[in-house]
Amino acid sequence: MIKKILYAVGIVFGIFVLLVLVVPASPSTQPQEQQLIVEHTEIATTTLPIVATSSVTQAIKQTTTVKAVEVKTDATKPVTTQSVQKYYSVTKVVDGDTITINLDGTSETIRLIGINTPETVDPRKPVECFGKQASDEAKTLLSGKKVRIEKDSTQGERDKYGRLLAYVFRDDGLFFNEHMIQQGYAYEYTYNKPYKYQTQFKADQVLAKSQGKGLWATGVCDGAVATSSTSTSSTATSPSGHTFYLSTYYSSKLYYCDTDDGWKSLSPNYLKSYSSEQSLLTAYPSRTLHEPCK
């Protein structure tokens, strides 16, 4: 009997041990697996944003790089435009309104548009008032310098002497034509037709005159366009052999030497000629010479 009881107890105890060992192990294993799955899920979830962030960062870097290249390209455009402007060496300063440059290997004489300085190199004339100062200023500013030239379609490419007509800009931006008028070294000069900077130059001359600059200074040239050291006339006596023209129309203020094509535009109905400058000025003392005889 006791053996039977002990046998039964052993069976019960064995079942209990089996339950303890087998049945709890199954649920505990399942949560571990679930936990592992959750952990893997969390890791995967965490990893995905990192990968996504890396991709976005890389995309942003690529986008930034492309934009940087585009900005750099745009920034170089002005440099390219500036490099198109060609600059030439000044090889000689003839006087205040005429220079010579090396134009792509060719010596080219430039007659500055819109200005006229007192004569200094014409062998037929004495040096005119303030001519040397104007020439010296031109030499100081342009000798050995680099300049660019700007043509004006309204004035044609060359004058009757074959000189190239242009505005001159120094490589540091100085507009030489205008500078000469602003500082009183040159007069505003309209040859025949209005030119690009005419209004600007005329205003510059008015200002220079009002400020008494250069040849406009009191007692320097007394307002004369051209005077010699031995002449008291407001206009220098021109060489003999020239014919002078004017218009008798009431509003006309100029007269022309025969070397100046400007007289050809005068109306035949009012055109009058003189064999000497002196005789013309005797008849019309208030007239001003449009351009010196060449």
C-alpha atoms as a PDB file:
ATOM      1  CA  MET A   1       0.000   0.000   0.000  1.00  0.00           C
ATOM      2  CA  ILE A   2       2.709   2.369   0.965  1.00  0.00           C
ATOM      3  CA  LYS A   3       4.497   1.519  -2.215  1.00  0.00           C
ATOM      4  CA  LYS A   4       1.401   2.396  -4.214  1.00  0.00           C
ATOM      5  CA  ILE A   5       1.097   5.713  -2.424  1.00  0.00           C
ATOM      6  CA  LEU A   6       4.740   6.512  -2.997  1.00  0.00           C
ATOM      7  CA  TYR A   7       4.378   5.508  -6.626  1.00  0.00           C
ATOM      8  CA  ALA A   8       1.385   7.790  -7.025  1.00  0.00           C
ATOM      9  CA  VAL A   9       3.195  10.631  -5.308  1.00  0.00           C
ATOM     10  CA  GLY A  10       6.182  10.112  -7.555  1.00  0.00           C
ATOM     11  CA  ILE A  11       3.963  10.219 -10.599  1.00  0.00           C
ATOM     12  CA  VAL A  12       2.295  13.437  -9.376  1.00  0.00           C
ATOM     13  CA  PHE A  13       5.654  14.960  -8.523  1.00  0.00           C
ATOM     14  CA  GLY A  14       7.014  13.979 -11.923  1.00  0.00           C
ATOM     15  CA  ILE A  15       4.000  15.513 -13.649  1.00  0.00           C
ATOM     16  CA  PHE A  16       4.464  18.660 -11.553  1.00  0.00           C
ATOM     17  CA  VAL A  17       8.137  18.855 -12.421  1.00  0.00           C
ATOM     18  CA  LEU A  18       7.281  18.275 -16.028  1.00  0.00           C
ATOM     19  CA  LEU A  19       4.739  21.049 -15.935  1.00  0.00           C
ATOM     20  CA  VAL A  20       7.190  23.360 -14.274  1.00  0.00           C
ATOM     21  CA  LEU A  21       9.937  22.581 -16.691  1.00  0.00           C
ATOM     22  CA  VAL A  22       8.020  22.220 -19.939  1.00  0.00           C
ATOM     23  CA  VAL A  23       4.877  24.349 -19.782  1.00  0.00           C
ATOM     24  CA  PRO A  24       6.434  27.619 -18.428  1.00  0.00           C
ATOM     25  CA  ALA A  25       9.353  27.321 -20.795  1.00  0.00           C
ATOM     26  CA  SER A  26       7.058  27.532 -23.756  1.00  0.00           C
ATOM     27  CA  PRO A  27       5.396  30.850 -22.825  1.00  0.00           C
ATOM     28  CA  SER A  28       8.695  32.348 -21.709  1.00  0.00           C
ATOM     29  CA  THR A  29      10.333  31.419 -24.952  1.00  0.00           C
ATOM     30  CA  GLN A  30       7.507  32.924 -26.940  1.00  0.00           C
ATOM     31  CA  PRO A  31       7.844  36.378 -25.383  1.00  0.00           C
ATOM     32  CA  GLN A  32      11.572  36.259 -25.904  1.00  0.00           C
ATOM     33  CA  GLU A  33      11.015  35.555 -29.524  1.00  0.00           C
ATOM     34  CA  GLN A  34       8.430  38.306 -29.630  1.00  0.00           C
ATOM     35  CA  GLN A  35      10.844  40.585 -27.865  1.00  0.00           C
ATOM     36  CA  LEU A  36      13.559  39.706 -30.294  1.00  0.00           C
ATOM     37  CA  ILE A  37      11.212  40.386 -33.145  1.00  0.00           C
ATOM     38  CA  VAL A  38      10.233  43.683 -31.615  1.00  0.00           C
ATOM     39  CA  GLU A  39      13.852  44.571 -31.075  1.00  0.00           C
ATOM     40  CA  HIS A  40      14.681  43.674 -34.649  1.00  0.00           C
ATOM     41  CA  THR A  41      11.710  45.693 -35.765  1.00  0.00           C
ATOM     42  CA  GLU A  42      12.880  48.638 -33.734  1.00  0.00           C
ATOM     43  CA  ILE A  43      16.375  48.290 -35.111  1.00  0.00           C
ATOM     44  CA  ALA A  44      15.025  48.100 -38.616  1.00  0.00           C
ATOM     45  CA  THR A  45      12.774  51.068 -37.935  1.00  0.00           C
ATOM     46  CA  THR A  46      15.693  53.033 -36.556  1.00  0.00           C
ATOM     47  CA  THR A  47      17.962  52.063 -39.398  1.00  0.00           C
ATOM     48  CA  LEU A  48      15.508  53.097 -42.094  1.00  0.00           C
ATOM     49  CA  PRO A  49      15.423  56.763 -41.075  1.00  0.00           C
ATOM     50  CA  ILE A  50      19.211  56.760 -40.918  1.00  0.00           C
ATOM     51  CA  VAL A  51      19.414  55.433 -44.443  1.00  0.00           C
ATOM     52  CA  ALA A  52      16.735  57.846 -45.551  1.00  0.00           C
ATOM     53  CA  THR A  53      18.514  60.702 -43.831  1.00  0.00           C
ATOM     54  CA  SER A  54      21.769  59.714 -45.496  1.00  0.00           C
ATOM     55  CA  SER A  55      20.079  59.636 -48.890  1.00  0.00           C
ATOM     56  CA  VAL A  56      18.449  63.006 -48.333  1.00  0.00           C
ATOM     57  CA  THR A  57      21.746  64.426 -47.142  1.00  0.00           C
ATOM     58  CA  GLN A  58      23.460  63.071 -50.212  1.00  0.00           C
ATOM     59  CA  ALA A  59      20.698  64.453 -52.428  1.00  0.00           C
ATOM     60  CA  ILE A  60      20.988  67.823 -50.711  1.00  0.00           C
ATOM     61  CA  LYS A  61      24.741  67.771 -51.217  1.00  0.00           C
ATOM     62  CA  GLN A  62      24.259  66.980 -54.895  1.00  0.00           C
ATOM     63  CA  THR A  63      21.659  69.722 -55.246  1.00  0.00           C
ATOM     64  CA  THR A  64      23.898  72.191 -53.439  1.00  0.00           C
ATOM     65  CA  THR A  65      26.817  71.247 -55.650  1.00  0.00           C
ATOM     66  CA  VAL A  66      24.771  71.794 -58.803  1.00  0.00           C
ATOM     67  CA  LYS A  67      23.547  75.164 -57.563  1.00  0.00           C
ATOM     68  CA  ALA A  68      27.044  76.193 -56.634  1.00  0.00           C
ATOM     69  CA  VAL A  69      28.215  75.384 -60.123  1.00  0.00           C
ATOM     70  CA  GLU A  70      25.334  77.338 -61.610  1.00  0.00           C
ATOM     71  CA  VAL A  71      26.057  80.371 -59.431  1.00  0.00           C
ATOM     72  CA  LYS A  72      29.744  80.154 -60.281  1.00  0.00           C
ATOM     73  CA  THR A  73      28.901  80.075 -63.966  1.00  0.00           C
ATOM     74  CA  ASP A  74      26.640  83.109 -63.628  1.00  0.00           C
ATOM     75  CA  ALA A  75      29.317  84.956 -61.659  1.00  0.00           C
ATOM     76  CA  THR A  76      31.804  84.528 -64.463  1.00  0.00           C
ATOM     77  CA  LYS A  77      29.548  86.133 -67.075  1.00  0.00           C
ATOM     78  CA  PRO A  78      30.534  89.755 -66.295  1.00  0.00           C
ATOM     79  CA  VAL A  79      34.194  88.750 -66.426  1.00  0.00           C
ATOM     80  CA  THR A  80      33.642  87.231 -69.855  1.00  0.00           C
ATOM     81  CA  THR A  81      31.859  90.374 -71.030  1.00  0.00           C
ATOM     82  CA  GLN A  82      34.661  92.571 -69.721  1.00  0.00           C
ATOM     83  CA  SER A  83      37.312  90.476 -71.382  1.00  0.00           C
ATOM     84  CA  VAL A  84      35.618  91.112 -74.726  1.00  0.00           C
ATOM     85  CA  GLN A  85      36.583  94.796 -74.485  1.00  0.00           C
ATOM     86  CA  LYS A  86      39.946  95.154 -76.160  1.00  0.00           C
ATOM     87  CA  TYR A  87      42.566  97.564 -74.916  1.00  0.00           C
ATOM     88  CA  TYR A  88      45.355  99.007 -77.037  1.00  0.00           C
ATOM     89  CA  SER A  89      48.678 100.616 -76.212  1.00  0.00           C
ATOM     90  CA  VAL A  90      49.044 104.344 -76.797  1.00  0.00           C
ATOM     91  CA  THR A  91      52.200 104.735 -78.843  1.00  0.00           C
ATOM     92  CA  LYS A  92      52.099 108.504 -79.308  1.00  0.00           C
ATOM     93  CA  VAL A  93      50.211 111.549 -78.090  1.00  0.00           C
ATOM     94  CA  VAL A  94      50.081 113.996 -80.998  1.00  0.00           C
ATOM     95  CA  ASP A  95      48.273 116.754 -79.107  1.00  0.00           C
ATOM     96  CA  GLY A  96      45.280 117.185 -76.835  1.00  0.00           C
ATOM     97  CA  ASP A  97      42.743 115.702 -79.238  1.00  0.00           C
ATOM     98  CA  THR A  98      44.781 113.291 -81.360  1.00  0.00           C
ATOM     99  CA  ILE A  99      46.668 110.148 -80.366  1.00  0.00           C
ATOM    100  CA  THR A 100      48.209 107.108 -82.025  1.00  0.00           C
ATOM    101  CA  ILE A 101      47.590 103.553 -80.836  1.00  0.00           C
ATOM    102  CA  ASN A 102      48.786 100.082 -81.741  1.00  0.00           C
ATOM    103  CA  LEU A 103      45.611  98.579 -83.168  1.00  0.00           C
ATOM    104  CA  ASP A 104      46.269  94.852 -83.554  1.00  0.00           C
ATOM    105  CA  GLY A 105      49.747  95.457 -84.922  1.00  0.00           C
ATOM    106  CA  THR A 106      48.793  98.496 -87.007  1.00  0.00           C
ATOM    107  CA  SER A 107      49.630 102.082 -86.075  1.00  0.00           C
ATOM    108  CA  GLU A 108      46.308 103.934 -86.057  1.00  0.00           C
ATOM    109  CA  THR A 109      45.801 107.666 -85.500  1.00  0.00           C
ATOM    110  CA  ILE A 110      42.713 108.493 -83.446  1.00  0.00           C
ATOM    111  CA  ARG A 111      40.910 111.834 -83.659  1.00  0.00           C
ATOM    112  CA  LEU A 112      38.831 112.244 -80.519  1.00  0.00           C
ATOM    113  CA  ILE A 113      35.147 112.886 -81.122  1.00  0.00           C
ATOM    114  CA  GLY A 114      33.418 115.846 -79.506  1.00  0.00           C
ATOM    115  CA  ILE A 115      36.438 117.873 -78.423  1.00  0.00           C
ATOM    116  CA  ASN A 116      38.880 120.337 -79.906  1.00  0.00           C
ATOM    117  CA  THR A 117      42.045 121.561 -78.192  1.00  0.00           C
ATOM    118  CA  PRO A 118      44.151 124.602 -79.113  1.00  0.00           C
ATOM    119  CA  GLU A 119      46.597 123.856 -81.920  1.00  0.00           C
ATOM    120  CA  THR A 120      50.227 122.998 -81.167  1.00  0.00           C
ATOM    121  CA  VAL A 121      51.542 120.951 -84.101  1.00  0.00           C
ATOM    122  CA  ASP A 122      50.196 122.634 -87.252  1.00  0.00           C
ATOM    123  CA  PRO A 123      53.301 124.047 -89.007  1.00  0.00           C
ATOM    124  CA  ARG A 124      51.189 126.738 -90.622  1.00  0.00           C
ATOM    125  CA  LYS A 125      50.120 128.194 -87.280  1.00  0.00           C
ATOM    126  CA  PRO A 126      51.713 129.492 -84.105  1.00  0.00           C
ATOM    127  CA  VAL A 127      51.038 127.547 -80.918  1.00  0.00           C
ATOM    128  CA  GLU A 128      47.587 128.594 -79.734  1.00  0.00           C
ATOM    129  CA  CYS A 129      46.618 129.655 -76.246  1.00  0.00           C
ATOM    130  CA  PHE A 130      46.603 126.773 -73.769  1.00  0.00           C
ATOM    131  CA  GLY A 131      47.597 124.354 -76.509  1.00  0.00           C
ATOM    132  CA  LYS A 132      50.779 123.258 -74.753  1.00  0.00           C
ATOM    133  CA  GLN A 133      48.973 122.684 -71.475  1.00  0.00           C
ATOM    134  CA  ALA A 134      46.342 120.573 -73.222  1.00  0.00           C
ATOM    135  CA  SER A 135      49.009 118.549 -74.999  1.00  0.00           C
ATOM    136  CA  ASP A 136      50.947 118.045 -71.762  1.00  0.00           C
ATOM    137  CA  GLU A 137      47.805 116.863 -69.978  1.00  0.00           C
ATOM    138  CA  ALA A 138      47.131 114.334 -72.721  1.00  0.00           C
ATOM    139  CA  LYS A 139      50.701 113.054 -72.520  1.00  0.00           C
ATOM    140  CA  THR A 140      50.513 112.728 -68.743  1.00  0.00           C
ATOM    141  CA  LEU A 141      47.268 110.763 -68.858  1.00  0.00           C
ATOM    142  CA  LEU A 142      47.784 108.606 -71.946  1.00  0.00           C
ATOM    143  CA  SER A 143      51.466 108.084 -72.756  1.00  0.00           C
ATOM    144  CA  GLY A 144      52.274 104.386 -72.453  1.00  0.00           C
ATOM    145  CA  LYS A 145      48.757 103.623 -71.208  1.00  0.00           C
ATOM    146  CA  LYS A 146      46.200 101.072 -72.329  1.00  0.00           C
ATOM    147  CA  VAL A 147      42.970 102.412 -73.787  1.00  0.00           C
ATOM    148  CA  ARG A 148      39.851 101.136 -75.433  1.00  0.00           C
ATOM    149  CA  ILE A 149      38.066 103.008 -78.181  1.00  0.00           C
ATOM    150  CA  GLU A 150      34.381 103.542 -78.826  1.00  0.00           C
ATOM    151  CA  LYS A 151      33.209 104.491 -82.299  1.00  0.00           C
ATOM    152  CA  ASP A 152      30.120 106.549 -83.084  1.00  0.00           C
ATOM    153  CA  SER A 153      28.056 105.617 -86.129  1.00  0.00           C
ATOM    154  CA  THR A 154      26.669 109.159 -86.319  1.00  0.00           C
ATOM    155  CA  GLN A 155      30.129 110.541 -87.099  1.00  0.00           C
ATOM    156  CA  GLY A 156      31.353 108.001 -89.633  1.00  0.00           C
ATOM    157  CA  GLU A 157      34.411 105.854 -89.176  1.00  0.00           C
ATOM    158  CA  ARG A 158      37.114 108.300 -90.345  1.00  0.00           C
ATOM    159  CA  ASP A 159      37.574 111.998 -90.958  1.00  0.00           C
ATOM    160  CA  LYS A 160      38.726 113.519 -94.226  1.00  0.00           C
ATOM    161  CA  TYR A 161      42.350 113.014 -93.202  1.00  0.00           C
ATOM    162  CA  GLY A 162      41.871 109.286 -92.719  1.00  0.00           C
ATOM    163  CA  ARG A 163      42.041 109.424 -88.936  1.00  0.00           C
ATOM    164  CA  LEU A 164      39.855 107.001 -87.006  1.00  0.00           C
ATOM    165  CA  LEU A 165      37.112 108.836 -85.107  1.00  0.00           C
ATOM    166  CA  ALA A 166      36.485 107.562 -81.594  1.00  0.00           C
ATOM    167  CA  TYR A 167      35.981 108.163 -77.906  1.00  0.00           C
ATOM    168  CA  VAL A 168      38.879 107.024 -75.721  1.00  0.00           C
ATOM    169  CA  PHE A 169      38.609 105.288 -72.344  1.00  0.00           C
ATOM    170  CA  ARG A 170      41.653 104.475 -70.227  1.00  0.00           C
ATOM    171  CA  ASP A 171      41.869 100.990 -68.694  1.00  0.00           C
ATOM    172  CA  ASP A 172      40.969 102.394 -65.256  1.00  0.00           C
ATOM    173  CA  GLY A 173      37.697 103.787 -66.655  1.00  0.00           C
ATOM    174  CA  LEU A 174      38.737 107.417 -67.246  1.00  0.00           C
ATOM    175  CA  PHE A 175      36.704 108.880 -70.120  1.00  0.00           C
ATOM    176  CA  PHE A 176      39.474 110.974 -71.650  1.00  0.00           C
ATOM    177  CA  ASN A 177      37.338 113.031 -74.078  1.00  0.00           C
ATOM    178  CA  GLU A 178      35.098 114.222 -71.277  1.00  0.00           C
ATOM    179  CA  HIS A 179      37.972 114.781 -68.853  1.00  0.00           C
ATOM    180  CA  MET A 180      39.602 117.266 -71.212  1.00  0.00           C
ATOM    181  CA  ILE A 181      36.420 119.359 -71.381  1.00  0.00           C
ATOM    182  CA  GLN A 182      35.651 119.074 -67.683  1.00  0.00           C
ATOM    183  CA  GLN A 183      39.100 120.340 -66.714  1.00  0.00           C
ATOM    184  CA  GLY A 184      39.170 123.160 -69.255  1.00  0.00           C
ATOM    185  CA  TYR A 185      41.780 121.699 -71.616  1.00  0.00           C
ATOM    186  CA  ALA A 186      39.410 121.371 -74.570  1.00  0.00           C
ATOM    187  CA  TYR A 187      36.327 122.881 -76.108  1.00  0.00           C
ATOM    188  CA  GLU A 188      33.205 120.937 -76.902  1.00  0.00           C
ATOM    189  CA  TYR A 189      33.266 120.437 -80.644  1.00  0.00           C
ATOM    190  CA  THR A 190      30.444 119.428 -82.951  1.00  0.00           C
ATOM    191  CA  TYR A 191      31.794 118.814 -86.424  1.00  0.00           C
ATOM    192  CA  ASN A 192      28.645 118.450 -88.455  1.00  0.00           C
ATOM    193  CA  LYS A 193      26.090 116.156 -86.856  1.00  0.00           C
ATOM    194  CA  PRO A 194      25.142 115.646 -83.208  1.00  0.00           C
ATOM    195  CA  TYR A 195      27.112 112.854 -81.581  1.00  0.00           C
ATOM    196  CA  LYS A 196      26.379 110.403 -78.754  1.00  0.00           C
ATOM    197  CA  TYR A 197      27.783 112.443 -75.854  1.00  0.00           C
ATOM    198  CA  GLN A 198      27.046 115.919 -77.236  1.00  0.00           C
ATOM    199  CA  THR A 199      24.582 116.978 -74.533  1.00  0.00           C
ATOM    200  CA  GLN A 200      26.897 115.709 -71.820  1.00  0.00           C
ATOM    201  CA  PHE A 201      29.953 117.466 -73.258  1.00  0.00           C
ATOM    202  CA  LYS A 202      28.130 120.757 -73.692  1.00  0.00           C
ATOM    203  CA  ALA A 203      27.037 120.656 -70.061  1.00  0.00           C
ATOM    204  CA  ASP A 204      30.623 119.854 -69.025  1.00  0.00           C
ATOM    205  CA  GLN A 205      31.890 122.919 -70.873  1.00  0.00           C
ATOM    206  CA  VAL A 206      29.314 125.206 -69.274  1.00  0.00           C
ATOM    207  CA  LEU A 207      30.389 123.970 -65.851  1.00  0.00           C
ATOM    208  CA  ALA A 208      34.121 124.248 -66.575  1.00  0.00           C
ATOM    209  CA  LYS A 209      33.624 127.784 -67.859  1.00  0.00           C
ATOM    210  CA  SER A 210      31.583 128.813 -64.820  1.00  0.00           C
ATOM    211  CA  GLN A 211      34.287 127.429 -62.534  1.00  0.00           C
ATOM    212  CA  GLY A 212      37.104 129.116 -64.469  1.00  0.00           C
ATOM    213  CA  LYS A 213      38.988 125.909 -65.150  1.00  0.00           C
ATOM    214  CA  GLY A 214      41.927 125.661 -67.538  1.00  0.00           C
ATOM    215  CA  LEU A 215      41.663 127.935 -70.535  1.00  0.00           C
ATOM    216  CA  TRP A 216      38.505 129.474 -69.030  1.00  0.00           C
ATOM    217  CA  ALA A 217      40.445 130.934 -66.120  1.00  0.00           C
ATOM    218  CA  THR A 218      40.463 134.721 -65.943  1.00  0.00           C
ATOM    219  CA  GLY A 219      43.295 136.243 -67.943  1.00  0.00           C
ATOM    220  CA  VAL A 220      44.495 132.937 -69.444  1.00  0.00           C
ATOM    221  CA  CYS A 221      42.988 133.128 -72.915  1.00  0.00           C
ATOM    222  CA  ASP A 222      40.309 135.751 -72.284  1.00  0.00           C
ATOM    223  CA  GLY A 223      37.750 133.329 -73.676  1.00  0.00           C
ATOM    224  CA  ALA A 224      39.470 133.135 -77.041  1.00  0.00           C
ATOM    225  CA  VAL A 225      39.147 129.950 -79.022  1.00  0.00           C
ATOM    226  CA  ALA A 226      42.657 130.366 -80.356  1.00  0.00           C
ATOM    227  CA  THR A 227      45.193 133.167 -79.964  1.00  0.00           C
ATOM    228  CA  SER A 228      48.840 133.617 -80.837  1.00  0.00           C
ATOM    229  CA  SER A 229      51.344 135.451 -78.692  1.00  0.00           C
ATOM    230  CA  THR A 230      51.455 138.355 -81.132  1.00  0.00           C
ATOM    231  CA  SER A 231      47.750 138.662 -81.865  1.00  0.00           C
ATOM    232  CA  THR A 232      45.074 140.432 -79.851  1.00  0.00           C
ATOM    233  CA  SER A 233      42.287 139.075 -82.042  1.00  0.00           C
ATOM    234  CA  SER A 234      39.919 136.524 -80.503  1.00  0.00           C
ATOM    235  CA  THR A 235      40.675 134.276 -83.457  1.00  0.00           C
ATOM    236  CA  ALA A 236      44.115 133.479 -84.818  1.00  0.00           C
ATOM    237  CA  THR A 237      44.961 134.715 -88.274  1.00  0.00           C
ATOM    238  CA  SER A 238      44.848 131.747 -90.625  1.00  0.00           C
ATOM    239  CA  PRO A 239      47.414 131.114 -93.323  1.00  0.00           C
ATOM    240  CA  SER A 240      46.853 132.833 -96.640  1.00  0.00           C
ATOM    241  CA  GLY A 241      45.391 130.934 -99.546  1.00  0.00           C
ATOM    242  CA  HIS A 242      42.231 129.798 -97.731  1.00  0.00           C
ATOM    243  CA  THR A 243      38.674 130.767 -98.494  1.00  0.00           C
ATOM    244  CA  PHE A 244      36.220 131.318 -95.662  1.00  0.00           C
ATOM    245  CA  TYR A 245      32.479 130.771 -95.702  1.00  0.00           C
ATOM    246  CA  LEU A 246      29.501 131.768 -93.605  1.00  0.00           C
ATOM    247  CA  SER A 247      25.745 131.893 -93.725  1.00  0.00           C
ATOM    248  CA  THR A 248      24.166 135.312 -93.708  1.00  0.00           C
ATOM    249  CA  TYR A 249      21.075 133.902 -92.050  1.00  0.00           C
ATOM    250  CA  TYR A 250      20.266 136.033 -88.991  1.00  0.00           C
ATOM    251  CA  SER A 251      20.713 133.251 -86.405  1.00  0.00           C
ATOM    252  CA  SER A 252      24.051 131.942 -87.744  1.00  0.00           C
ATOM    253  CA  LYS A 253      27.039 132.296 -85.425  1.00  0.00           C
ATOM    254  CA  LEU A 254      29.863 130.365 -87.121  1.00  0.00           C
ATOM    255  CA  TYR A 255      32.145 130.652 -90.102  1.00  0.00           C
ATOM    256  CA  TYR A 256      34.153 127.960 -91.846  1.00  0.00           C
ATOM    257  CA  CYS A 257      37.544 127.489 -93.425  1.00  0.00           C
ATOM    258  CA  ASP A 258      37.585 125.795 -96.829  1.00  0.00           C
ATOM    259  CA  THR A 259      39.259 122.728 -95.259  1.00  0.00           C
ATOM    260  CA  ASP A 260      36.219 122.271 -93.041  1.00  0.00           C
ATOM    261  CA  ASP A 261      33.449 120.390 -94.832  1.00  0.00           C
ATOM    262  CA  GLY A 262      30.939 121.980 -92.504  1.00  0.00           C
ATOM    263  CA  TRP A 263      30.443 124.926 -94.877  1.00  0.00           C
ATOM    264  CA  LYS A 264      29.053 122.563 -97.517  1.00  0.00           C
ATOM    265  CA  SER A 265      25.939 122.046 -95.440  1.00  0.00           C
ATOM    266  CA  LEU A 266      25.095 125.767 -95.522  1.00  0.00           C
ATOM    267  CA  SER A 267      22.117 126.854 -97.578  1.00  0.00           C
ATOM    268  CA  PRO A 268      23.177 128.245-100.988  1.00  0.00           C
ATOM    269  CA  ASN A 269      20.599 131.000-100.514  1.00  0.00           C
ATOM    270  CA  TYR A 270      22.617 132.455 -97.617  1.00  0.00           C
ATOM    271  CA  LEU A 271      26.130 131.288 -98.458  1.00  0.00           C
ATOM    272  CA  LYS A 272      28.831 133.947 -98.626  1.00  0.00           C
ATOM    273  CA  SER A 273      32.583 133.574 -99.095  1.00  0.00           C
ATOM    274  CA  TYR A 274      35.624 135.685 -98.248  1.00  0.00           C
ATOM    275  CA  SER A 275      39.167 135.503 -99.559  1.00  0.00           C
ATOM    276  CA  SER A 276      40.652 136.190 -96.126  1.00  0.00           C
ATOM    277  CA  GLU A 277      39.655 135.625 -92.555  1.00  0.00           C
ATOM    278  CA  GLN A 278      40.318 139.239 -91.680  1.00  0.00           C
ATOM    279  CA  SER A 279      37.837 140.544 -94.238  1.00  0.00           C
ATOM    280  CA  LEU A 280      35.181 138.139 -92.950  1.00  0.00           C
ATOM    281  CA  LEU A 281      35.706 139.206 -89.339  1.00  0.00           C
ATOM    282  CA  THR A 282      35.583 142.848 -90.336  1.00  0.00           C
ATOM    283  CA  ALA A 283      32.135 142.272 -91.783  1.00  0.00           C
ATOM    284  CA  TYR A 284      30.992 139.813 -89.082  1.00  0.00           C
ATOM    285  CA  PRO A 285      33.118 140.415 -85.970  1.00  0.00           C
ATOM    286  CA  SER A 286      30.928 138.287 -83.685  1.00  0.00           C
ATOM    287  CA  ARG A 287      31.337 135.090 -85.711  1.00  0.00           C
ATOM    288  CA  THR A 288      33.299 132.105 -84.330  1.00  0.00           C
ATOM    289  CA  LEU A 289      35.502 129.793 -86.371  1.00  0.00           C
ATOM    290  CA  HIS A 290      33.963 126.323 -86.519  1.00  0.00           C
ATOM    291  CA  GLU A 291      37.222 124.439 -87.072  1.00  0.00           C
ATOM    292  CA  PRO A 292      40.788 125.687 -87.604  1.00  0.00           C
ATOM    293  CA  CYS A 293      42.179 125.464 -91.109  1.00  0.00           C
ATOM    294  CA  LYS A 294      44.234 122.350 -91.744  1.00  0.00           C
END
